[in-house]
Amino acid sequence: MQKSKGYERYMNICCKSIFILLIPFFLFAHPHIFVDISAKYDAKEQQIYMLWLIDEASSELIKLDYDTNRNDYFEPQELKKFLDEKKGYAMLFYRSNFFLHPKRVIKHIDATIIDGRVQITFEADSSVCNFIDIWDNDILFSFHVKDILNMTHIKESEGYFGARLELEKRLR
């Protein structure tokens, strides 16, 4: 049985329409920024020291916004713009603090460019509780724990969208 040209055209339009309608789901179904995490817990100071190394592609985009003279180094004025609590990249840590659960007091954020990759370091208060969850509900960031000290890497969520680190016994 041969199908009519009208039917073939109708099916072609239906398939293309369905594909076009699904495009937004494809765009948001995966992380856009991959972060390698190193962390250290200091029980005496009750501080968590974290280093986040952003992937190469995302680092390039960040550098386009903040490394205005393109020398692979954050000059003081570029770093100030990056660390601005209201408009800079660091507002994700200061204002939103959506990466760390339960919410932590974030301080001493710094950023450098090493081998073309943006590296963000910061301190977080550890007095809230004995674990820290790192994740992004929007699945724009993917976190991978590379190196930890005085912490136990409890679990990593499927697809590396988050992780739980448990702080080792506190010093008394």
N, C-alpha and C. Protein backbone atom coordinates (compact mmCIF):
# COMPACT_ATOMS: atom_id res chain seq x y z
N MET A 1 0.84 -1.18 0.00
CA MET A 1 0.00 0.00 0.00
C MET A 1 0.88 1.23 0.00
N GLN A 2 0.62 2.08 -0.97
CA GLN A 2 1.42 3.30 -1.10
C GLN A 2 0.70 4.45 -0.38
N LYS A 3 1.52 5.22 0.38
CA LYS A 3 0.96 6.33 1.13
C LYS A 3 0.91 7.55 0.24
N SER A 4 -0.10 8.36 0.43
CA SER A 4 -0.25 9.57 -0.39
C SER A 4 0.79 10.60 -0.01
N LYS A 5 1.04 11.52 -0.95
CA LYS A 5 1.98 12.61 -0.70
C LYS A 5 1.51 13.48 0.45
N GLY A 6 0.21 13.66 0.57
CA GLY A 6 -0.34 14.47 1.66
C GLY A 6 -0.05 13.85 3.02
N TYR A 7 -0.18 12.53 3.08
CA TYR A 7 0.09 11.84 4.34
C TYR A 7 1.57 11.94 4.71
N GLU A 8 2.45 11.75 3.73
CA GLU A 8 3.90 11.86 3.97
C GLU A 8 4.26 13.26 4.43
N ARG A 9 3.67 14.26 3.80
CA ARG A 9 3.93 15.65 4.18
C ARG A 9 3.43 15.91 5.60
N TYR A 10 2.26 15.40 5.91
CA TYR A 10 1.68 15.55 7.25
C TYR A 10 2.60 14.92 8.30
N MET A 11 3.08 13.70 8.06
CA MET A 11 3.96 13.01 8.99
C MET A 11 5.30 13.74 9.13
N ASN A 12 5.81 14.26 8.06
CA ASN A 12 7.06 15.02 8.07
C ASN A 12 6.92 16.27 8.95
N ILE A 13 5.82 16.99 8.81
CA ILE A 13 5.56 18.19 9.61
C ILE A 13 5.38 17.81 11.08
N CYS A 14 4.66 16.71 11.34
CA CYS A 14 4.46 16.26 12.73
C CYS A 14 5.79 15.92 13.39
N CYS A 15 6.63 15.18 12.71
CA CYS A 15 7.93 14.79 13.27
C CYS A 15 8.79 16.02 13.55
N LYS A 16 8.84 16.94 12.61
CA LYS A 16 9.63 18.16 12.81
C LYS A 16 9.07 18.99 13.96
N SER A 17 7.76 19.07 14.07
CA SER A 17 7.14 19.83 15.15
C SER A 17 7.47 19.24 16.51
N ILE A 18 7.39 17.93 16.61
CA ILE A 18 7.71 17.27 17.88
C ILE A 18 9.17 17.51 18.25
N PHE A 19 10.05 17.41 17.27
CA PHE A 19 11.47 17.65 17.53
C PHE A 19 11.70 19.08 18.01
N ILE A 20 11.08 20.04 17.36
CA ILE A 20 11.23 21.46 17.74
C ILE A 20 10.68 21.69 19.14
N LEU A 21 9.57 21.05 19.48
CA LEU A 21 9.01 21.21 20.82
C LEU A 21 9.91 20.60 21.91
N LEU A 22 10.69 19.58 21.56
CA LEU A 22 11.55 18.92 22.53
C LEU A 22 12.92 19.60 22.69
N ILE A 23 13.29 20.49 21.80
CA ILE A 23 14.60 21.15 21.87
C ILE A 23 14.86 21.78 23.23
N PRO A 24 13.92 22.52 23.83
CA PRO A 24 14.23 23.09 25.16
C PRO A 24 14.60 22.05 26.21
N PHE A 25 14.01 20.86 26.14
CA PHE A 25 14.34 19.81 27.09
C PHE A 25 15.77 19.32 26.88
N PHE A 26 16.21 19.25 25.61
CA PHE A 26 17.57 18.82 25.33
C PHE A 26 18.57 19.85 25.84
N LEU A 27 18.24 21.11 25.74
CA LEU A 27 19.15 22.18 26.16
C LEU A 27 19.36 22.19 27.66
N PHE A 28 18.35 21.86 28.42
CA PHE A 28 18.45 21.95 29.87
C PHE A 28 18.63 20.59 30.54
N ALA A 29 18.88 19.57 29.79
CA ALA A 29 18.95 18.24 30.37
C ALA A 29 20.36 17.81 30.77
N HIS A 30 21.31 18.71 30.69
CA HIS A 30 22.67 18.35 31.03
C HIS A 30 23.39 19.54 31.64
N PRO A 31 24.46 19.28 32.39
CA PRO A 31 25.19 20.41 32.97
C PRO A 31 25.95 21.18 31.91
N HIS A 32 26.19 22.44 32.21
CA HIS A 32 26.93 23.30 31.30
C HIS A 32 28.30 23.62 31.85
N ILE A 33 28.47 23.52 33.16
CA ILE A 33 29.74 23.85 33.81
C ILE A 33 30.15 22.66 34.67
N PHE A 34 31.37 22.21 34.47
CA PHE A 34 31.90 21.07 35.22
C PHE A 34 32.95 21.58 36.19
N VAL A 35 32.81 21.18 37.46
CA VAL A 35 33.68 21.69 38.51
C VAL A 35 34.37 20.53 39.22
N ASP A 36 35.71 20.59 39.26
CA ASP A 36 36.49 19.65 40.06
C ASP A 36 36.70 20.30 41.43
N ILE A 37 36.34 19.58 42.49
CA ILE A 37 36.38 20.13 43.84
C ILE A 37 37.49 19.49 44.66
N SER A 38 38.25 20.34 45.33
CA SER A 38 39.18 19.90 46.37
C SER A 38 38.74 20.61 47.64
N ALA A 39 38.77 19.90 48.76
CA ALA A 39 38.30 20.49 50.01
C ALA A 39 39.14 20.00 51.18
N LYS A 40 39.26 20.87 52.18
CA LYS A 40 39.98 20.53 53.41
C LYS A 40 39.17 21.05 54.58
N TYR A 41 39.06 20.24 55.60
CA TYR A 41 38.34 20.63 56.81
C TYR A 41 39.34 20.85 57.94
N ASP A 42 39.28 22.01 58.58
CA ASP A 42 40.13 22.33 59.72
C ASP A 42 39.23 22.37 60.96
N ALA A 43 39.28 21.31 61.78
CA ALA A 43 38.39 21.20 62.94
C ALA A 43 38.71 22.25 63.99
N LYS A 44 39.98 22.58 64.13
CA LYS A 44 40.38 23.56 65.15
C LYS A 44 39.78 24.93 64.84
N GLU A 45 39.84 25.34 63.59
CA GLU A 45 39.31 26.65 63.18
C GLU A 45 37.83 26.57 62.78
N GLN A 46 37.29 25.38 62.69
CA GLN A 46 35.93 25.13 62.23
C GLN A 46 35.68 25.78 60.87
N GLN A 47 36.59 25.53 59.96
CA GLN A 47 36.49 26.09 58.61
C GLN A 47 36.63 24.98 57.58
N ILE A 48 35.95 25.17 56.49
CA ILE A 48 36.09 24.30 55.32
C ILE A 48 36.74 25.15 54.24
N TYR A 49 37.86 24.69 53.73
CA TYR A 49 38.56 25.40 52.66
C TYR A 49 38.29 24.65 51.37
N MET A 50 37.78 25.37 50.39
CA MET A 50 37.43 24.71 49.13
C MET A 50 38.13 25.36 47.96
N LEU A 51 38.45 24.52 46.99
CA LEU A 51 39.02 24.96 45.73
C LEU A 51 38.16 24.36 44.63
N TRP A 52 37.62 25.21 43.79
CA TRP A 52 36.81 24.74 42.66
C TRP A 52 37.55 25.09 41.38
N LEU A 53 37.81 24.07 40.57
CA LEU A 53 38.49 24.26 39.29
C LEU A 53 37.45 24.07 38.18
N ILE A 54 37.20 25.15 37.46
CA ILE A 54 36.17 25.16 36.41
C ILE A 54 36.74 24.55 35.13
N ASP A 55 35.92 23.84 34.38
CA ASP A 55 36.37 23.20 33.14
C ASP A 55 36.86 24.24 32.12
N GLU A 56 37.58 23.77 31.11
CA GLU A 56 38.21 24.66 30.14
C GLU A 56 37.21 25.51 29.36
N ALA A 57 36.16 24.90 28.87
CA ALA A 57 35.19 25.65 28.04
C ALA A 57 34.49 26.73 28.85
N SER A 58 34.05 26.39 30.04
CA SER A 58 33.38 27.38 30.89
C SER A 58 34.35 28.45 31.35
N SER A 59 35.60 28.06 31.59
CA SER A 59 36.62 29.04 31.96
C SER A 59 36.80 30.06 30.85
N GLU A 60 36.78 29.60 29.62
CA GLU A 60 36.92 30.54 28.49
C GLU A 60 35.79 31.57 28.49
N LEU A 61 34.58 31.12 28.77
CA LEU A 61 33.44 32.05 28.83
C LEU A 61 33.57 33.03 29.99
N ILE A 62 34.02 32.54 31.13
CA ILE A 62 34.22 33.41 32.29
C ILE A 62 35.31 34.44 31.97
N LYS A 63 36.37 33.98 31.34
CA LYS A 63 37.47 34.90 31.01
C LYS A 63 37.03 35.96 30.00
N LEU A 64 36.12 35.61 29.11
CA LEU A 64 35.61 36.61 28.17
C LEU A 64 34.94 37.76 28.91
N ASP A 65 34.26 37.44 30.02
CA ASP A 65 33.58 38.48 30.80
C ASP A 65 34.51 39.23 31.73
N TYR A 66 35.49 38.55 32.31
CA TYR A 66 36.25 39.16 33.41
C TYR A 66 37.73 39.40 33.12
N ASP A 67 38.34 38.64 32.25
CA ASP A 67 39.75 38.87 31.90
C ASP A 67 39.78 39.76 30.66
N THR A 68 39.48 41.03 30.87
CA THR A 68 39.24 41.94 29.75
C THR A 68 40.48 42.19 28.89
N ASN A 69 41.67 42.10 29.45
CA ASN A 69 42.87 42.32 28.63
C ASN A 69 43.43 41.01 28.06
N ARG A 70 42.75 39.91 28.29
CA ARG A 70 43.05 38.59 27.70
C ARG A 70 44.49 38.11 27.96
N ASN A 71 44.97 38.35 29.18
CA ASN A 71 46.33 37.90 29.50
C ASN A 71 46.36 36.66 30.39
N ASP A 72 45.22 36.00 30.55
CA ASP A 72 45.11 34.80 31.39
C ASP A 72 45.54 35.06 32.83
N TYR A 73 45.22 36.25 33.31
CA TYR A 73 45.51 36.64 34.68
C TYR A 73 44.49 37.68 35.09
N PHE A 74 43.92 37.53 36.29
CA PHE A 74 42.97 38.53 36.77
C PHE A 74 43.75 39.69 37.38
N GLU A 75 43.76 40.82 36.67
CA GLU A 75 44.35 42.04 37.21
C GLU A 75 43.48 42.49 38.39
N PRO A 76 43.99 43.35 39.27
CA PRO A 76 43.19 43.77 40.44
C PRO A 76 41.80 44.30 40.09
N GLN A 77 41.68 45.10 39.03
CA GLN A 77 40.35 45.63 38.68
C GLN A 77 39.45 44.55 38.10
N GLU A 78 40.02 43.57 37.40
CA GLU A 78 39.24 42.46 36.87
C GLU A 78 38.77 41.55 38.01
N LEU A 79 39.65 41.30 38.95
CA LEU A 79 39.30 40.47 40.10
C LEU A 79 38.21 41.14 40.93
N LYS A 80 38.31 42.45 41.08
CA LYS A 80 37.28 43.19 41.83
C LYS A 80 35.92 43.02 41.16
N LYS A 81 35.89 43.10 39.84
CA LYS A 81 34.64 42.91 39.09
C LYS A 81 34.12 41.48 39.26
N PHE A 82 35.02 40.51 39.20
CA PHE A 82 34.66 39.10 39.36
C PHE A 82 34.06 38.84 40.75
N LEU A 83 34.66 39.46 41.77
CA LEU A 83 34.26 39.22 43.16
C LEU A 83 33.12 40.11 43.64
N ASP A 84 32.60 40.98 42.78
CA ASP A 84 31.51 41.87 43.16
C ASP A 84 30.32 41.05 43.66
N GLU A 85 29.86 41.37 44.86
CA GLU A 85 28.79 40.58 45.49
C GLU A 85 27.44 40.76 44.80
N LYS A 86 27.25 41.82 44.06
CA LYS A 86 25.95 42.07 43.44
C LYS A 86 25.90 41.71 41.96
N LYS A 87 27.03 41.89 41.24
CA LYS A 87 27.01 41.66 39.80
C LYS A 87 28.05 40.68 39.30
N GLY A 88 29.03 40.37 40.11
CA GLY A 88 30.12 39.51 39.68
C GLY A 88 29.77 38.04 39.76
N TYR A 89 30.67 37.22 39.24
CA TYR A 89 30.49 35.77 39.26
C TYR A 89 30.37 35.25 40.69
N ALA A 90 31.08 35.91 41.62
CA ALA A 90 31.09 35.46 43.01
C ALA A 90 29.75 35.64 43.71
N MET A 91 28.82 36.36 43.10
CA MET A 91 27.50 36.51 43.74
C MET A 91 26.82 35.16 43.89
N LEU A 92 27.20 34.18 43.06
CA LEU A 92 26.65 32.84 43.21
C LEU A 92 26.98 32.26 44.58
N PHE A 93 28.10 32.68 45.14
CA PHE A 93 28.50 32.19 46.45
C PHE A 93 27.97 33.09 47.56
N TYR A 94 28.11 34.39 47.38
CA TYR A 94 27.71 35.33 48.43
C TYR A 94 26.20 35.40 48.62
N ARG A 95 25.49 35.67 47.56
CA ARG A 95 24.06 35.93 47.68
C ARG A 95 23.25 34.66 47.61
N SER A 96 23.46 33.89 46.59
CA SER A 96 22.65 32.69 46.39
C SER A 96 23.06 31.59 47.35
N ASN A 97 24.37 31.34 47.42
CA ASN A 97 24.90 30.27 48.24
C ASN A 97 24.14 28.97 47.96
N PHE A 98 23.67 28.82 46.71
CA PHE A 98 22.83 27.67 46.41
C PHE A 98 23.62 26.39 46.19
N PHE A 99 24.94 26.48 46.19
CA PHE A 99 25.73 25.27 45.99
C PHE A 99 25.90 24.47 47.28
N LEU A 100 25.90 25.16 48.41
CA LEU A 100 26.25 24.52 49.67
C LEU A 100 25.04 24.38 50.57
N HIS A 101 24.82 23.17 51.07
CA HIS A 101 23.69 22.90 51.94
C HIS A 101 24.17 22.13 53.16
N PRO A 102 23.75 22.43 54.37
CA PRO A 102 22.94 23.61 54.69
C PRO A 102 23.72 24.89 54.41
N LYS A 103 23.00 25.99 54.38
CA LYS A 103 23.62 27.27 54.03
C LYS A 103 24.81 27.54 54.94
N ARG A 104 25.84 28.08 54.38
CA ARG A 104 27.08 28.35 55.10
C ARG A 104 27.44 29.83 54.99
N VAL A 105 28.24 30.27 55.94
CA VAL A 105 28.80 31.61 55.83
C VAL A 105 30.03 31.48 54.93
N ILE A 106 29.99 32.14 53.80
CA ILE A 106 31.08 32.09 52.83
C ILE A 106 31.94 33.33 53.02
N LYS A 107 33.25 33.13 53.02
CA LYS A 107 34.14 34.29 53.15
C LYS A 107 35.44 34.02 52.41
N HIS A 108 36.17 35.09 52.22
CA HIS A 108 37.49 35.03 51.57
C HIS A 108 37.47 34.35 50.21
N ILE A 109 36.58 34.78 49.35
CA ILE A 109 36.56 34.22 48.00
C ILE A 109 37.69 34.86 47.20
N ASP A 110 38.37 34.03 46.43
CA ASP A 110 39.43 34.52 45.56
C ASP A 110 39.35 33.73 44.25
N ALA A 111 39.91 34.28 43.22
CA ALA A 111 39.90 33.60 41.91
C ALA A 111 41.21 33.86 41.21
N THR A 112 41.68 32.84 40.51
CA THR A 112 42.89 32.95 39.71
C THR A 112 42.66 32.15 38.42
N ILE A 113 43.57 32.34 37.49
CA ILE A 113 43.54 31.55 36.26
C ILE A 113 44.84 30.75 36.23
N ILE A 114 44.71 29.43 36.19
CA ILE A 114 45.87 28.54 36.19
C ILE A 114 45.74 27.61 34.99
N ASP A 115 46.74 27.64 34.14
CA ASP A 115 46.74 26.82 32.92
C ASP A 115 45.46 27.00 32.11
N GLY A 116 44.97 28.24 32.05
CA GLY A 116 43.79 28.56 31.26
C GLY A 116 42.46 28.27 31.93
N ARG A 117 42.49 27.68 33.13
CA ARG A 117 41.25 27.34 33.84
C ARG A 117 41.05 28.26 35.04
N VAL A 118 39.81 28.66 35.24
CA VAL A 118 39.48 29.51 36.38
C VAL A 118 39.42 28.65 37.63
N GLN A 119 40.11 29.12 38.66
CA GLN A 119 40.14 28.44 39.95
C GLN A 119 39.56 29.38 40.99
N ILE A 120 38.55 28.91 41.71
CA ILE A 120 37.90 29.72 42.74
C ILE A 120 38.18 29.06 44.09
N THR A 121 38.68 29.85 45.03
CA THR A 121 38.92 29.35 46.38
C THR A 121 38.07 30.15 47.36
N PHE A 122 37.61 29.47 48.39
CA PHE A 122 36.83 30.17 49.41
C PHE A 122 36.82 29.36 50.70
N GLU A 123 36.39 30.03 51.76
CA GLU A 123 36.23 29.39 53.06
C GLU A 123 34.75 29.35 53.39
N ALA A 124 34.34 28.28 54.07
CA ALA A 124 32.96 28.15 54.52
C ALA A 124 32.96 27.75 55.99
N ASP A 125 32.04 28.30 56.73
CA ASP A 125 31.90 28.00 58.15
C ASP A 125 31.45 26.55 58.31
N SER A 126 32.09 25.81 59.23
CA SER A 126 31.72 24.41 59.43
C SER A 126 30.93 24.19 60.71
N SER A 127 30.59 25.25 61.42
CA SER A 127 29.92 25.07 62.71
C SER A 127 28.44 24.72 62.57
N VAL A 128 27.90 24.80 61.38
CA VAL A 128 26.47 24.54 61.17
C VAL A 128 26.11 23.09 61.45
N CYS A 129 26.85 22.17 60.88
CA CYS A 129 26.62 20.75 61.12
C CYS A 129 27.83 19.97 60.63
N ASN A 130 27.81 18.64 60.72
CA ASN A 130 28.99 17.86 60.42
C ASN A 130 29.06 17.32 58.99
N PHE A 131 28.29 17.88 58.10
CA PHE A 131 28.39 17.48 56.70
C PHE A 131 28.15 18.71 55.82
N ILE A 132 28.48 18.55 54.58
CA ILE A 132 28.22 19.61 53.60
C ILE A 132 27.79 18.94 52.30
N ASP A 133 26.67 19.39 51.78
CA ASP A 133 26.19 18.91 50.48
C ASP A 133 26.52 19.98 49.46
N ILE A 134 26.98 19.53 48.32
CA ILE A 134 27.31 20.43 47.23
C ILE A 134 26.49 19.98 46.03
N TRP A 135 25.59 20.82 45.59
CA TRP A 135 24.80 20.45 44.41
C TRP A 135 24.14 21.66 43.79
N ASP A 136 23.61 21.46 42.64
CA ASP A 136 22.90 22.51 41.90
C ASP A 136 21.56 21.92 41.46
N ASN A 137 20.49 22.48 41.97
CA ASN A 137 19.15 21.99 41.63
C ASN A 137 18.82 22.15 40.16
N ASP A 138 19.42 23.13 39.51
CA ASP A 138 19.10 23.41 38.11
C ASP A 138 19.89 22.55 37.14
N ILE A 139 20.79 21.75 37.63
CA ILE A 139 21.63 20.86 36.81
C ILE A 139 22.41 21.65 35.75
N LEU A 140 22.84 22.84 36.10
CA LEU A 140 23.71 23.60 35.21
C LEU A 140 25.17 23.32 35.55
N PHE A 141 25.42 23.00 36.83
CA PHE A 141 26.76 22.68 37.29
C PHE A 141 26.85 21.19 37.58
N SER A 142 27.98 20.61 37.26
CA SER A 142 28.25 19.23 37.61
C SER A 142 29.50 19.22 38.48
N PHE A 143 29.42 18.62 39.65
CA PHE A 143 30.51 18.63 40.61
C PHE A 143 31.15 17.26 40.70
N HIS A 144 32.48 17.26 40.73
CA HIS A 144 33.22 16.02 40.88
C HIS A 144 34.28 16.24 41.96
N VAL A 145 34.23 15.45 43.01
CA VAL A 145 35.18 15.58 44.12
C VAL A 145 36.49 14.90 43.72
N LYS A 146 37.56 15.69 43.70
CA LYS A 146 38.87 15.17 43.30
C LYS A 146 39.74 14.83 44.49
N ASP A 147 39.75 15.72 45.49
CA ASP A 147 40.69 15.58 46.59
C ASP A 147 40.07 16.17 47.85
N ILE A 148 40.11 15.41 48.95
CA ILE A 148 39.58 15.93 50.22
C ILE A 148 40.54 15.58 51.34
N LEU A 149 40.55 16.42 52.38
CA LEU A 149 41.39 16.20 53.54
C LEU A 149 40.55 16.42 54.79
N ASN A 150 40.61 15.48 55.71
CA ASN A 150 39.84 15.52 56.97
C ASN A 150 38.33 15.50 56.72
N MET A 151 37.94 14.90 55.64
CA MET A 151 36.53 14.72 55.31
C MET A 151 36.38 13.33 54.72
N THR A 152 35.17 12.83 54.77
CA THR A 152 34.87 11.56 54.14
C THR A 152 33.90 11.82 53.01
N HIS A 153 34.25 11.32 51.83
CA HIS A 153 33.39 11.49 50.67
C HIS A 153 32.30 10.42 50.75
N ILE A 154 31.13 10.82 51.20
CA ILE A 154 30.05 9.87 51.46
C ILE A 154 29.43 9.36 50.16
N LYS A 155 29.01 10.28 49.34
CA LYS A 155 28.36 9.84 48.10
C LYS A 155 28.43 10.93 47.06
N GLU A 156 28.32 10.51 45.86
CA GLU A 156 28.22 11.43 44.75
C GLU A 156 26.92 11.07 44.03
N SER A 157 26.13 12.08 43.75
CA SER A 157 24.85 11.77 43.12
C SER A 157 25.08 11.25 41.71
N GLU A 158 24.13 10.56 41.21
CA GLU A 158 24.23 10.01 39.87
C GLU A 158 24.43 11.14 38.87
N GLY A 159 25.39 11.00 38.01
CA GLY A 159 25.65 12.01 37.01
C GLY A 159 26.53 13.14 37.52
N TYR A 160 27.08 13.01 38.72
CA TYR A 160 27.98 14.01 39.29
C TYR A 160 27.35 15.38 39.46
N PHE A 161 26.06 15.47 39.71
CA PHE A 161 25.43 16.77 39.91
C PHE A 161 25.61 17.27 41.33
N GLY A 162 26.11 16.45 42.21
CA GLY A 162 26.32 16.87 43.57
C GLY A 162 27.08 15.84 44.36
N ALA A 163 27.42 16.21 45.60
CA ALA A 163 28.16 15.31 46.46
C ALA A 163 27.88 15.65 47.92
N ARG A 164 28.10 14.69 48.78
CA ARG A 164 28.01 14.94 50.22
C ARG A 164 29.38 14.60 50.83
N LEU A 165 29.88 15.56 51.60
CA LEU A 165 31.15 15.39 52.32
C LEU A 165 30.82 15.44 53.80
N GLU A 166 31.30 14.46 54.54
CA GLU A 166 31.09 14.45 55.99
C GLU A 166 32.39 14.88 56.66
N LEU A 167 32.27 15.84 57.57
CA LEU A 167 33.43 16.33 58.28
C LEU A 167 33.88 15.28 59.30
N GLU A 168 35.19 15.05 59.36
CA GLU A 168 35.67 14.06 60.33
C GLU A 168 35.60 14.62 61.73
N LYS A 169 35.70 13.77 62.72
CA LYS A 169 35.47 14.14 64.12
C LYS A 169 36.12 15.48 64.46
N ARG A 170 35.34 16.29 65.12
CA ARG A 170 35.83 17.60 65.52
C ARG A 170 36.79 17.47 66.70
N LEU A 171 37.78 18.36 66.73
CA LEU A 171 38.69 18.39 67.86
C LEU A 171 37.99 19.04 69.05
N ARG A 172 38.20 18.53 70.22
CA ARG A 172 37.55 19.09 71.41
C ARG A 172 38.49 19.98 72.16
